[in-house]
Amino acid sequence: MRHVDDLCRIAASGGGLDLTGTVYLVPELMRIAASASSKRAQIIIDGKNLQTDDLVKIGAAGQGCVLFKF
């Protein structure tokens, strides 16, 4: 599993990420999503085990760059 700082750098450079099958905390996912929003990189997150409020926070941080899989 990659470090969150590395994922943020990749996303901020425009690289899309599929984070399904990984385990990150909600604040970490928010940080990655926010990094992706600057270059409109696509982030895919498994949303099955997350609360709706957390999904909303992550989605807002990503400003349209996050796709949730259920």
C-alpha atoms as a PDB file:
ATOM      1  CA  MET A   1       0.000   0.000   0.000  1.00  0.00           C
ATOM      2  CA  ARG A   2       1.381   3.373  -1.002  1.00  0.00           C
ATOM      3  CA  HIS A   3       1.849   6.220   1.447  1.00  0.00           C
ATOM      4  CA  VAL A   4      -0.822   8.919   1.333  1.00  0.00           C
ATOM      5  CA  ASP A   5       1.769  11.589   0.468  1.00  0.00           C
ATOM      6  CA  ASP A   6       2.777   9.595  -2.629  1.00  0.00           C
ATOM      7  CA  LEU A   7      -0.867   9.201  -3.709  1.00  0.00           C
ATOM      8  CA  CYS A   8      -1.451  12.922  -3.259  1.00  0.00           C
ATOM      9  CA  ARG A   9       1.557  13.715  -5.435  1.00  0.00           C
ATOM     10  CA  ILE A  10       0.356  11.336  -8.148  1.00  0.00           C
ATOM     11  CA  ALA A  11      -3.169  12.741  -8.083  1.00  0.00           C
ATOM     12  CA  ALA A  12      -1.947  16.356  -8.057  1.00  0.00           C
ATOM     13  CA  SER A  13       0.104  15.630 -11.174  1.00  0.00           C
ATOM     14  CA  GLY A  14      -3.031  14.455 -12.989  1.00  0.00           C
ATOM     15  CA  GLY A  15      -2.695  10.720 -12.461  1.00  0.00           C
ATOM     16  CA  GLY A  16      -5.914   8.858 -11.808  1.00  0.00           C
ATOM     17  CA  LEU A  17      -6.096   6.316  -8.999  1.00  0.00           C
ATOM     18  CA  ASP A  18      -8.198   3.236  -8.338  1.00  0.00           C
ATOM     19  CA  LEU A  19      -8.200   2.858  -4.562  1.00  0.00           C
ATOM     20  CA  THR A  20     -10.661  -0.034  -4.408  1.00  0.00           C
ATOM     21  CA  GLY A  21      -9.354  -2.839  -2.257  1.00  0.00           C
ATOM     22  CA  THR A  22      -7.268  -0.473  -0.122  1.00  0.00           C
ATOM     23  CA  VAL A  23      -7.867   0.763   3.400  1.00  0.00           C
ATOM     24  CA  TYR A  24      -7.370   4.448   4.106  1.00  0.00           C
ATOM     25  CA  LEU A  25      -8.965   6.647   6.737  1.00  0.00           C
ATOM     26  CA  VAL A  26     -11.618   9.148   5.670  1.00  0.00           C
ATOM     27  CA  PRO A  27      -9.335  12.181   6.259  1.00  0.00           C
ATOM     28  CA  GLU A  28      -6.689  10.515   4.089  1.00  0.00           C
ATOM     29  CA  LEU A  29      -9.206   9.865   1.305  1.00  0.00           C
ATOM     30  CA  MET A  30     -10.341  13.476   1.546  1.00  0.00           C
ATOM     31  CA  ARG A  31      -6.757  14.651   1.188  1.00  0.00           C
ATOM     32  CA  ILE A  32      -6.143  12.437  -1.854  1.00  0.00           C
ATOM     33  CA  ALA A  33      -9.416  13.569  -3.443  1.00  0.00           C
ATOM     34  CA  ALA A  34      -8.580  17.227  -2.850  1.00  0.00           C
ATOM     35  CA  SER A  35      -5.193  16.719  -4.499  1.00  0.00           C
ATOM     36  CA  ALA A  36      -6.886  15.186  -7.540  1.00  0.00           C
ATOM     37  CA  SER A  37      -9.261  18.108  -7.951  1.00  0.00           C
ATOM     38  CA  SER A  38      -6.534  20.523  -9.076  1.00  0.00           C
ATOM     39  CA  LYS A  39      -5.906  18.535 -12.305  1.00  0.00           C
ATOM     40  CA  ARG A  40      -9.332  16.826 -12.498  1.00  0.00           C
ATOM     41  CA  ALA A  41      -7.750  13.375 -12.036  1.00  0.00           C
ATOM     42  CA  GLN A  42     -10.256  10.532 -11.526  1.00  0.00           C
ATOM     43  CA  ILE A  43     -10.208   8.781  -8.147  1.00  0.00           C
ATOM     44  CA  ILE A  44     -12.152   5.530  -7.654  1.00  0.00           C
ATOM     45  CA  ILE A  45     -13.023   4.576  -4.080  1.00  0.00           C
ATOM     46  CA  ASP A  46     -14.882   1.576  -2.707  1.00  0.00           C
ATOM     47  CA  GLY A  47     -17.787   3.181  -0.856  1.00  0.00           C
ATOM     48  CA  LYS A  48     -19.511   0.034   0.413  1.00  0.00           C
ATOM     49  CA  ASN A  49     -18.181   0.265   3.950  1.00  0.00           C
ATOM     50  CA  LEU A  50     -18.275   4.040   4.351  1.00  0.00           C
ATOM     51  CA  GLN A  51     -21.020   6.081   5.965  1.00  0.00           C
ATOM     52  CA  THR A  52     -23.005   8.464   3.769  1.00  0.00           C
ATOM     53  CA  ASP A  53     -21.671  11.504   5.637  1.00  0.00           C
ATOM     54  CA  ASP A  54     -18.113  10.335   4.964  1.00  0.00           C
ATOM     55  CA  LEU A  55     -18.873   9.782   1.277  1.00  0.00           C
ATOM     56  CA  VAL A  56     -20.246  13.318   1.073  1.00  0.00           C
ATOM     57  CA  LYS A  57     -17.087  14.741   2.694  1.00  0.00           C
ATOM     58  CA  ILE A  58     -14.809  12.822   0.338  1.00  0.00           C
ATOM     59  CA  GLY A  59     -16.888  13.781  -2.692  1.00  0.00           C
ATOM     60  CA  ALA A  60     -16.883  17.449  -1.701  1.00  0.00           C
ATOM     61  CA  ALA A  61     -13.118  17.404  -1.228  1.00  0.00           C
ATOM     62  CA  GLY A  62     -12.704  15.932  -4.706  1.00  0.00           C
ATOM     63  CA  GLN A  63     -14.983  18.488  -6.395  1.00  0.00           C
ATOM     64  CA  GLY A  64     -16.309  16.006  -8.947  1.00  0.00           C
ATOM     65  CA  CYS A  65     -13.184  13.856  -9.327  1.00  0.00           C
ATOM     66  CA  VAL A  66     -14.332  10.944  -7.154  1.00  0.00           C
ATOM     67  CA  LEU A  67     -16.223   7.863  -8.353  1.00  0.00           C
ATOM     68  CA  PHE A  68     -17.619   5.592  -5.671  1.00  0.00           C
ATOM     69  CA  LYS A  69     -18.066   1.859  -6.324  1.00  0.00           C
ATOM     70  CA  PHE A  70     -20.833   0.043  -4.440  1.00  0.00           C
END
